[in-house]
PDB file of N, CA and C in Angstrom:
ATOM      1  N   UNK A   1      15.137  -2.362  -6.441  1.00  0.00           N
ATOM      2  CA  UNK A   1      15.051  -2.779  -5.046  1.00  0.00           C
ATOM      3  C   UNK A   1      13.906  -3.785  -4.914  1.00  0.00           C
ATOM      4  N   UNK A   2      14.159  -4.862  -4.167  1.00  0.00           N
ATOM      5  CA  UNK A   2      13.154  -5.906  -4.021  1.00  0.00           C
ATOM      6  C   UNK A   2      12.021  -5.456  -3.096  1.00  0.00           C
ATOM      7  N   UNK A   3      10.903  -6.114  -3.219  1.00  0.00           N
ATOM      8  CA  UNK A   3       9.750  -5.831  -2.358  1.00  0.00           C
ATOM      9  C   UNK A   3      10.109  -6.117  -0.902  1.00  0.00           C
ATOM     10  N   UNK A   4      10.890  -7.174  -0.672  1.00  0.00           N
ATOM     11  CA  UNK A   4      11.302  -7.523   0.690  1.00  0.00           C
ATOM     12  C   UNK A   4      12.096  -6.377   1.310  1.00  0.00           C
ATOM     13  N   UNK A   5      13.024  -5.819   0.552  1.00  0.00           N
ATOM     14  CA  UNK A   5      13.837  -4.709   1.058  1.00  0.00           C
ATOM     15  C   UNK A   5      12.959  -3.478   1.298  1.00  0.00           C
ATOM     16  N   UNK A   6      12.059  -3.178   0.371  1.00  0.00           N
ATOM     17  CA  UNK A   6      11.162  -2.030   0.542  1.00  0.00           C
ATOM     18  C   UNK A   6      10.357  -2.147   1.832  1.00  0.00           C
ATOM     19  N   UNK A   7       9.789  -3.332   2.076  1.00  0.00           N
ATOM     20  CA  UNK A   7       8.985  -3.545   3.281  1.00  0.00           C
ATOM     21  C   UNK A   7       9.847  -3.485   4.533  1.00  0.00           C
ATOM     22  N   UNK A   8      11.057  -4.033   4.451  1.00  0.00           N
ATOM     23  CA  UNK A   8      11.956  -4.019   5.605  1.00  0.00           C
ATOM     24  C   UNK A   8      12.396  -2.596   5.936  1.00  0.00           C
ATOM     25  N   UNK A   9      12.677  -1.788   4.913  1.00  0.00           N
ATOM     26  CA  UNK A   9      13.050  -0.390   5.143  1.00  0.00           C
ATOM     27  C   UNK A   9      11.911   0.330   5.856  1.00  0.00           C
ATOM     28  N   UNK A  10      10.686   0.135   5.393  1.00  0.00           N
ATOM     29  CA  UNK A  10       9.530   0.788   6.009  1.00  0.00           C
ATOM     30  C   UNK A  10       9.347   0.331   7.458  1.00  0.00           C
ATOM     31  N   UNK A  11       9.489  -0.969   7.712  1.00  0.00           N
ATOM     32  CA  UNK A  11       9.312  -1.496   9.066  1.00  0.00           C
ATOM     33  C   UNK A  11      10.405  -1.002  10.007  1.00  0.00           C
ATOM     34  N   UNK A  12      11.647  -0.978   9.525  1.00  0.00           N
ATOM     35  CA  UNK A  12      12.752  -0.488  10.358  1.00  0.00           C
ATOM     36  C   UNK A  12      12.600   1.005  10.644  1.00  0.00           C
ATOM     37  N   UNK A  13      12.172   1.755   9.646  1.00  0.00           N
ATOM     38  CA  UNK A  13      11.983   3.198   9.831  1.00  0.00           C
ATOM     39  C   UNK A  13      10.921   3.466  10.898  1.00  0.00           C
ATOM     40  N   UNK A  14       9.910   2.605  10.953  1.00  0.00           N
ATOM     41  CA  UNK A  14       8.862   2.749  11.964  1.00  0.00           C
ATOM     42  C   UNK A  14       9.405   2.421  13.357  1.00  0.00           C
ATOM     43  N   UNK A  15      10.228   1.380  13.466  1.00  0.00           N
ATOM     44  CA  UNK A  15      10.792   0.974  14.752  1.00  0.00           C
ATOM     45  C   UNK A  15      11.913   1.899  15.217  1.00  0.00           C
ATOM     46  N   UNK A  16      12.602   2.526  14.262  1.00  0.00           N
ATOM     47  CA  UNK A  16      13.745   3.375  14.594  1.00  0.00           C
ATOM     48  C   UNK A  16      13.578   4.735  13.912  1.00  0.00           C
ATOM     49  N   UNK A  17      12.558   5.509  14.308  1.00  0.00           N
ATOM     50  CA  UNK A  17      12.253   6.768  13.620  1.00  0.00           C
ATOM     51  C   UNK A  17      13.373   7.811  13.690  1.00  0.00           C
ATOM     52  N   UNK A  18      14.235   7.705  14.692  1.00  0.00           N
ATOM     53  CA  UNK A  18      15.338   8.659  14.839  1.00  0.00           C
ATOM     54  C   UNK A  18      16.655   8.106  14.311  1.00  0.00           C
ATOM     55  N   UNK A  19      16.581   6.998  13.586  1.00  0.00           N
ATOM     56  CA  UNK A  19      17.796   6.399  13.059  1.00  0.00           C
ATOM     57  C   UNK A  19      18.590   5.699  14.150  1.00  0.00           C
ATOM     58  N   UNK A  20      19.916   5.669  13.979  1.00  0.00           N
ATOM     59  CA  UNK A  20      20.803   4.957  14.889  1.00  0.00           C
ATOM     60  C   UNK A  20      22.073   5.778  15.040  1.00  0.00           C
ATOM     61  N   UNK A  21      22.634   5.804  16.230  1.00  0.00           N
ATOM     62  CA  UNK A  21      23.783   6.672  16.501  1.00  0.00           C
ATOM     63  C   UNK A  21      25.045   6.267  15.743  1.00  0.00           C
ATOM     64  N   UNK A  22      25.162   4.991  15.394  1.00  0.00           N
ATOM     65  CA  UNK A  22      26.286   4.515  14.594  1.00  0.00           C
ATOM     66  C   UNK A  22      25.748   4.089  13.230  1.00  0.00           C
ATOM     67  N   UNK A  23      26.555   3.371  12.481  1.00  0.00           N
ATOM     68  CA  UNK A  23      26.098   2.872  11.185  1.00  0.00           C
ATOM     69  C   UNK A  23      25.956   1.363  11.261  1.00  0.00           C
ATOM     70  N   UNK A  24      24.767   0.880  10.941  1.00  0.00           N
ATOM     71  CA  UNK A  24      24.486  -0.550  10.954  1.00  0.00           C
ATOM     72  C   UNK A  24      23.981  -0.977   9.584  1.00  0.00           C
ATOM     73  N   UNK A  25      24.333  -2.200   9.210  1.00  0.00           N
ATOM     74  CA  UNK A  25      23.846  -2.748   7.951  1.00  0.00           C
ATOM     75  C   UNK A  25      23.114  -4.053   8.248  1.00  0.00           C
ATOM     76  N   UNK A  26      21.929  -4.178   7.686  1.00  0.00           N
ATOM     77  CA  UNK A  26      21.171  -5.423   7.739  1.00  0.00           C
ATOM     78  C   UNK A  26      21.258  -6.049   6.360  1.00  0.00           C
ATOM     79  N   UNK A  27      21.800  -7.249   6.286  1.00  0.00           N
ATOM     80  CA  UNK A  27      21.882  -7.964   5.015  1.00  0.00           C
ATOM     81  C   UNK A  27      20.836  -9.064   5.039  1.00  0.00           C
ATOM     82  N   UNK A  28      19.902  -8.988   4.090  1.00  0.00           N
ATOM     83  CA  UNK A  28      18.877 -10.019   3.959  1.00  0.00           C
ATOM     84  C   UNK A  28      19.309 -10.903   2.794  1.00  0.00           C
ATOM     85  N   UNK A  29      19.642 -12.147   3.110  1.00  0.00           N
ATOM     86  CA  UNK A  29      20.183 -13.069   2.117  1.00  0.00           C
ATOM     87  C   UNK A  29      19.288 -13.131   0.885  1.00  0.00           C
ATOM     88  N   UNK A  30      19.911 -13.074  -0.277  1.00  0.00           N
ATOM     89  CA  UNK A  30      19.249 -13.173  -1.589  1.00  0.00           C
ATOM     90  C   UNK A  30      18.309 -12.007  -1.900  1.00  0.00           C
ATOM     91  N   UNK A  31      18.328 -10.943  -1.078  1.00  0.00           N
ATOM     92  CA  UNK A  31      17.436  -9.801  -1.308  1.00  0.00           C
ATOM     93  C   UNK A  31      18.197  -8.487  -1.440  1.00  0.00           C
ATOM     94  N   UNK A  32      19.131  -8.220  -0.523  1.00  0.00           N
ATOM     95  CA  UNK A  32      19.864  -6.968  -0.544  1.00  0.00           C
ATOM     96  C   UNK A  32      20.202  -6.527   0.861  1.00  0.00           C
ATOM     97  N   UNK A  33      20.524  -5.249   1.010  1.00  0.00           N
ATOM     98  CA  UNK A  33      20.909  -4.763   2.331  1.00  0.00           C
ATOM     99  C   UNK A  33      20.307  -3.393   2.626  1.00  0.00           C
ATOM    100  N   UNK A  34      20.276  -3.097   3.916  1.00  0.00           N
ATOM    101  CA  UNK A  34      19.672  -1.872   4.432  1.00  0.00           C
ATOM    102  C   UNK A  34      20.675  -1.211   5.366  1.00  0.00           C
ATOM    103  N   UNK A  35      20.782   0.088   5.270  1.00  0.00           N
ATOM    104  CA  UNK A  35      21.653   0.865   6.149  1.00  0.00           C
ATOM    105  C   UNK A  35      20.781   1.659   7.122  1.00  0.00           C
ATOM    106  N   UNK A  36      21.178   1.641   8.389  1.00  0.00           N
ATOM    107  CA  UNK A  36      20.533   2.457   9.419  1.00  0.00           C
ATOM    108  C   UNK A  36      21.635   3.296  10.059  1.00  0.00           C
ATOM    109  N   UNK A  37      21.473   4.614  10.018  1.00  0.00           N
ATOM    110  CA  UNK A  37      22.451   5.512  10.631  1.00  0.00           C
ATOM    111  C   UNK A  37      21.739   6.759  11.141  1.00  0.00           C
ATOM    112  N   UNK A  38      22.498   7.785  11.442  1.00  0.00           N
ATOM    113  CA  UNK A  38      21.891   8.998  12.009  1.00  0.00           C
ATOM    114  C   UNK A  38      20.973   9.708  11.021  1.00  0.00           C
ATOM    115  N   UNK A  39      21.093   9.382   9.725  1.00  0.00           N
ATOM    116  CA  UNK A  39      20.208   9.967   8.705  1.00  0.00           C
ATOM    117  C   UNK A  39      18.904   9.194   8.550  1.00  0.00           C
ATOM    118  N   UNK A  40      18.803   8.030   9.178  1.00  0.00           N
ATOM    119  CA  UNK A  40      17.592   7.227   9.074  1.00  0.00           C
ATOM    120  C   UNK A  40      17.850   5.867   8.472  1.00  0.00           C
ATOM    121  N   UNK A  41      16.850   5.348   7.785  1.00  0.00           N
ATOM    122  CA  UNK A  41      16.875   3.990   7.230  1.00  0.00           C
ATOM    123  C   UNK A  41      16.743   4.077   5.718  1.00  0.00           C
ATOM    124  N   UNK A  42      17.574   3.316   4.996  1.00  0.00           N
ATOM    125  CA  UNK A  42      17.499   3.312   3.528  1.00  0.00           C
ATOM    126  C   UNK A  42      18.120   2.025   2.988  1.00  0.00           C
ATOM    127  N   UNK A  43      17.737   1.664   1.797  1.00  0.00           N
ATOM    128  CA  UNK A  43      18.399   0.555   1.121  1.00  0.00           C
ATOM    129  C   UNK A  43      19.803   1.019   0.773  1.00  0.00           C
ATOM    130  N   UNK A  44      20.779   0.144   0.945  1.00  0.00           N
ATOM    131  CA  UNK A  44      22.149   0.525   0.624  1.00  0.00           C
ATOM    132  C   UNK A  44      23.136  -0.524   1.074  1.00  0.00           C
ATOM    133  N   UNK A  45      24.356  -0.389   0.590  1.00  0.00           N
ATOM    134  CA  UNK A  45      25.400  -1.365   0.904  1.00  0.00           C
ATOM    135  C   UNK A  45      26.662  -0.653   1.366  1.00  0.00           C
ATOM    136  N   UNK A  46      26.497   0.419   2.144  1.00  0.00           N
ATOM    137  CA  UNK A  46      27.628   1.200   2.640  1.00  0.00           C
ATOM    138  C   UNK A  46      28.429   0.403   3.670  1.00  0.00           C
ATOM    139  N   UNK A  47      29.624   0.896   3.982  1.00  0.00           N
ATOM    140  CA  UNK A  47      30.400   0.337   5.087  1.00  0.00           C
ATOM    141  C   UNK A  47      29.638   0.618   6.379  1.00  0.00           C
ATOM    142  N   UNK A  48      29.763  -0.291   7.351  1.00  0.00           N
ATOM    143  CA  UNK A  48      29.027  -0.125   8.603  1.00  0.00           C
ATOM    144  C   UNK A  48      29.878  -0.569   9.785  1.00  0.00           C
ATOM    145  N   UNK A  49      29.530  -0.061  10.966  1.00  0.00           N
ATOM    146  CA  UNK A  49      30.218  -0.445  12.200  1.00  0.00           C
ATOM    147  C   UNK A  49      29.821  -1.853  12.639  1.00  0.00           C
ATOM    148  N   UNK A  50      28.610  -2.253  12.286  1.00  0.00           N
ATOM    149  CA  UNK A  50      28.123  -3.597  12.586  1.00  0.00           C
ATOM    150  C   UNK A  50      27.225  -4.051  11.441  1.00  0.00           C
ATOM    151  N   UNK A  51      27.356  -5.322  11.073  1.00  0.00           N
ATOM    152  CA  UNK A  51      26.535  -5.902  10.011  1.00  0.00           C
ATOM    153  C   UNK A  51      25.817  -7.123  10.561  1.00  0.00           C
ATOM    154  N   UNK A  52      24.500  -7.142  10.379  1.00  0.00           N
ATOM    155  CA  UNK A  52      23.694  -8.286  10.784  1.00  0.00           C
ATOM    156  C   UNK A  52      23.166  -8.959   9.528  1.00  0.00           C
ATOM    157  N   UNK A  53      23.371 -10.265   9.426  1.00  0.00           N
ATOM    158  CA  UNK A  53      22.969 -11.015   8.246  1.00  0.00           C
ATOM    159  C   UNK A  53      21.998 -12.117   8.652  1.00  0.00           C
ATOM    160  N   UNK A  54      20.888 -12.196   7.919  1.00  0.00           N
ATOM    161  CA  UNK A  54      19.877 -13.217   8.202  1.00  0.00           C
ATOM    162  C   UNK A  54      19.068 -13.491   6.943  1.00  0.00           C
ATOM    163  N   UNK A  55      18.313 -14.581   6.977  1.00  0.00           N
ATOM    164  CA  UNK A  55      17.388 -14.882   5.878  1.00  0.00           C
ATOM    165  C   UNK A  55      16.221 -13.913   5.942  1.00  0.00           C
ATOM    166  N   UNK A  56      15.464 -13.833   4.864  1.00  0.00           N
ATOM    167  CA  UNK A  56      14.281 -12.965   4.843  1.00  0.00           C
ATOM    168  C   UNK A  56      13.288 -13.401   5.930  1.00  0.00           C
ATOM    169  N   UNK A  57      13.149 -14.704   6.116  1.00  0.00           N
ATOM    170  CA  UNK A  57      12.213 -15.230   7.114  1.00  0.00           C
ATOM    171  C   UNK A  57      12.636 -14.825   8.535  1.00  0.00           C
ATOM    172  N   UNK A  58      13.915 -14.977   8.844  1.00  0.00           N
ATOM    173  CA  UNK A  58      14.413 -14.593  10.170  1.00  0.00           C
ATOM    174  C   UNK A  58      14.282 -13.094  10.379  1.00  0.00           C
ATOM    175  N   UNK A  59      14.637 -12.320   9.358  1.00  0.00           N
ATOM    176  CA  UNK A  59      14.554 -10.873   9.472  1.00  0.00           C
ATOM    177  C   UNK A  59      13.114 -10.428   9.707  1.00  0.00           C
ATOM    178  N   UNK A  60      12.172 -11.033   8.996  1.00  0.00           N
ATOM    179  CA  UNK A  60      10.761 -10.709   9.198  1.00  0.00           C
ATOM    180  C   UNK A  60      10.344 -11.007  10.629  1.00  0.00           C
ATOM    181  N   UNK A  61      10.819 -12.124  11.163  1.00  0.00           N
ATOM    182  CA  UNK A  61      10.514 -12.479  12.547  1.00  0.00           C
ATOM    183  C   UNK A  61      11.097 -11.488  13.538  1.00  0.00           C
ATOM    184  N   UNK A  62      12.304 -10.981  13.245  1.00  0.00           N
ATOM    185  CA  UNK A  62      12.900  -9.961  14.106  1.00  0.00           C
ATOM    186  C   UNK A  62      12.036  -8.707  14.109  1.00  0.00           C
ATOM    187  N   UNK A  63      11.524  -8.342  12.943  1.00  0.00           N
ATOM    188  CA  UNK A  63      10.720  -7.127  12.829  1.00  0.00           C
ATOM    189  C   UNK A  63       9.349  -7.258  13.476  1.00  0.00           C
ATOM    190  N   UNK A  64       8.737  -8.438  13.342  1.00  0.00           N
ATOM    191  CA  UNK A  64       7.383  -8.580  13.892  1.00  0.00           C
ATOM    192  C   UNK A  64       7.378  -9.089  15.341  1.00  0.00           C
ATOM    193  N   UNK A  65       8.575  -9.348  15.880  1.00  0.00           N
ATOM    194  CA  UNK A  65       8.667  -9.748  17.278  1.00  0.00           C
ATOM    195  C   UNK A  65       8.534 -11.230  17.540  1.00  0.00           C
ATOM    196  N   UNK A  66       8.353 -12.043  16.500  1.00  0.00           N
ATOM    197  CA  UNK A  66       8.211 -13.483  16.711  1.00  0.00           C
ATOM    198  C   UNK A  66       9.555 -14.195  16.856  1.00  0.00           C
ATOM    199  N   UNK A  67      10.652 -13.504  16.524  1.00  0.00           N
ATOM    200  CA  UNK A  67      11.997 -14.069  16.664  1.00  0.00           C
ATOM    201  C   UNK A  67      12.803 -13.163  17.589  1.00  0.00           C
ATOM    202  N   UNK A  68      13.349 -13.748  18.635  1.00  0.00           N
ATOM    203  CA  UNK A  68      14.196 -13.013  19.569  1.00  0.00           C
ATOM    204  C   UNK A  68      15.593 -12.874  18.953  1.00  0.00           C
ATOM    205  N   UNK A  69      16.137 -11.644  18.886  1.00  0.00           N
ATOM    206  CA  UNK A  69      17.456 -11.459  18.266  1.00  0.00           C
ATOM    207  C   UNK A  69      18.562 -12.288  18.913  1.00  0.00           C
ATOM    208  N   UNK A  70      18.570 -12.377  20.240  1.00  0.00           N
ATOM    209  CA  UNK A  70      19.607 -13.147  20.926  1.00  0.00           C
ATOM    210  C   UNK A  70      19.471 -14.633  20.612  1.00  0.00           C
ATOM    211  N   UNK A  71      18.238 -15.130  20.616  1.00  0.00           N
ATOM    212  CA  UNK A  71      18.007 -16.538  20.309  1.00  0.00           C
ATOM    213  C   UNK A  71      18.401 -16.840  18.866  1.00  0.00           C
ATOM    214  N   UNK A  72      18.075 -15.931  17.941  1.00  0.00           N
ATOM    215  CA  UNK A  72      18.437 -16.128  16.534  1.00  0.00           C
ATOM    216  C   UNK A  72      19.951 -16.184  16.376  1.00  0.00           C
ATOM    217  N   UNK A  73      20.662 -15.340  17.108  1.00  0.00           N
ATOM    218  CA  UNK A  73      22.125 -15.339  17.062  1.00  0.00           C
ATOM    219  C   UNK A  73      22.673 -16.651  17.612  1.00  0.00           C
ATOM    220  N   UNK A  74      22.156 -17.077  18.754  1.00  0.00           N
ATOM    221  CA  UNK A  74      22.639 -18.304  19.396  1.00  0.00           C
ATOM    222  C   UNK A  74      22.365 -19.547  18.545  1.00  0.00           C
ATOM    223  N   UNK A  75      21.277 -19.527  17.775  1.00  0.00           N
ATOM    224  CA  UNK A  75      20.931 -20.670  16.916  1.00  0.00           C
ATOM    225  C   UNK A  75      21.614 -20.591  15.549  1.00  0.00           C
ATOM    226  N   UNK A  76      22.378 -19.524  15.322  1.00  0.00           N
ATOM    227  CA  UNK A  76      23.078 -19.397  14.048  1.00  0.00           C
ATOM    228  C   UNK A  76      22.226 -18.840  12.925  1.00  0.00           C
ATOM    229  N   UNK A  77      21.040 -18.356  13.245  1.00  0.00           N
ATOM    230  CA  UNK A  77      20.158 -17.789  12.218  1.00  0.00           C
ATOM    231  C   UNK A  77      20.451 -16.320  11.947  1.00  0.00           C
ATOM    232  N   UNK A  78      21.202 -15.692  12.847  1.00  0.00           N
ATOM    233  CA  UNK A  78      21.577 -14.285  12.721  1.00  0.00           C
ATOM    234  C   UNK A  78      23.082 -14.190  12.910  1.00  0.00           C
ATOM    235  N   UNK A  79      23.755 -13.695  11.886  1.00  0.00           N
ATOM    236  CA  UNK A  79      25.211 -13.544  11.944  1.00  0.00           C
ATOM    237  C   UNK A  79      25.535 -12.080  12.216  1.00  0.00           C
ATOM    238  N   UNK A  80      26.492 -11.843  13.117  1.00  0.00           N
ATOM    239  CA  UNK A  80      26.892 -10.482  13.464  1.00  0.00           C
ATOM    240  C   UNK A  80      28.373 -10.304  13.148  1.00  0.00           C
ATOM    241  N   UNK A  81      28.687  -9.281  12.366  1.00  0.00           N
ATOM    242  CA  UNK A  81      30.066  -8.909  12.083  1.00  0.00           C
ATOM    243  C   UNK A  81      30.273  -7.487  12.570  1.00  0.00           C
ATOM    244  N   UNK A  82      31.312  -7.272  13.354  1.00  0.00           N
ATOM    245  CA  UNK A  82      31.585  -5.926  13.848  1.00  0.00           C
ATOM    246  C   UNK A  82      31.309  -5.807  15.327  1.00  0.00           C
ATOM    247  N   UNK A  83      30.929  -4.615  15.732  1.00  0.00           N
ATOM    248  CA  UNK A  83      30.772  -4.279  17.147  1.00  0.00           C
ATOM    249  C   UNK A  83      29.555  -4.968  17.773  1.00  0.00           C
ATOM    250  N   UNK A  84      29.827  -5.944  18.640  1.00  0.00           N
ATOM    251  CA  UNK A  84      28.747  -6.700  19.281  1.00  0.00           C
ATOM    252  C   UNK A  84      27.877  -5.801  20.155  1.00  0.00           C
ATOM    253  N   UNK A  85      28.465  -4.794  20.806  1.00  0.00           N
ATOM    254  CA  UNK A  85      27.682  -3.875  21.630  1.00  0.00           C
ATOM    255  C   UNK A  85      26.638  -3.135  20.808  1.00  0.00           C
ATOM    256  N   UNK A  86      27.004  -2.750  19.587  1.00  0.00           N
ATOM    257  CA  UNK A  86      26.041  -2.084  18.696  1.00  0.00           C
ATOM    258  C   UNK A  86      24.949  -3.050  18.267  1.00  0.00           C
ATOM    259  N   UNK A  87      25.322  -4.308  18.033  1.00  0.00           N
ATOM    260  CA  UNK A  87      24.327  -5.317  17.661  1.00  0.00           C
ATOM    261  C   UNK A  87      23.317  -5.491  18.784  1.00  0.00           C
ATOM    262  N   UNK A  88      23.789  -5.458  20.024  1.00  0.00           N
ATOM    263  CA  UNK A  88      22.880  -5.595  21.170  1.00  0.00           C
ATOM    264  C   UNK A  88      21.952  -4.380  21.265  1.00  0.00           C
ATOM    265  N   UNK A  89      22.457  -3.198  20.958  1.00  0.00           N
ATOM    266  CA  UNK A  89      21.605  -2.005  20.944  1.00  0.00           C
ATOM    267  C   UNK A  89      20.520  -2.136  19.874  1.00  0.00           C
ATOM    268  N   UNK A  90      20.899  -2.654  18.720  1.00  0.00           N
ATOM    269  CA  UNK A  90      19.915  -2.862  17.647  1.00  0.00           C
ATOM    270  C   UNK A  90      18.867  -3.889  18.068  1.00  0.00           C
ATOM    271  N   UNK A  91      19.305  -4.948  18.697  1.00  0.00           N
ATOM    272  CA  UNK A  91      18.377  -5.969  19.170  1.00  0.00           C
ATOM    273  C   UNK A  91      17.357  -5.382  20.127  1.00  0.00           C
ATOM    274  N   UNK A  92      17.824  -4.511  21.024  1.00  0.00           N
ATOM    275  CA  UNK A  92      16.899  -3.868  21.962  1.00  0.00           C
ATOM    276  C   UNK A  92      15.942  -2.946  21.232  1.00  0.00           C
ATOM    277  N   UNK A  93      16.414  -2.258  20.202  1.00  0.00           N
ATOM    278  CA  UNK A  93      15.555  -1.343  19.446  1.00  0.00           C
ATOM    279  C   UNK A  93      14.488  -2.106  18.663  1.00  0.00           C
ATOM    280  N   UNK A  94      14.805  -3.319  18.244  1.00  0.00           N
ATOM    281  CA  UNK A  94      13.853  -4.108  17.460  1.00  0.00           C
ATOM    282  C   UNK A  94      12.808  -4.787  18.339  1.00  0.00           C
ATOM    283  N   UNK A  95      13.113  -4.949  19.604  1.00  0.00           N
ATOM    284  CA  UNK A  95      12.191  -5.661  20.510  1.00  0.00           C
ATOM    285  C   UNK A  95      10.967  -4.830  20.829  1.00  0.00           C
TER     286      UNK A  95
END
């Protein structure tokens, strides 16, 4: 597992200590992927209800609050596959 994924798992676990009611996957380009579900946050590539894909730089900005999830999506820096309503819930959880 890459250092980027390890740090992202730790940061997401801090922001979402109770996990997520559905299954979400964060794909960090050229690094790997993270699953967030009712069991918590972990590195993994499971099937998910919604998948968010971004560069490591964009993902870091989402985590530290310097990048707005909606703005990143509108600018094409954040790709969403699956349930848009779940993606919006994740965006609110990251803010």
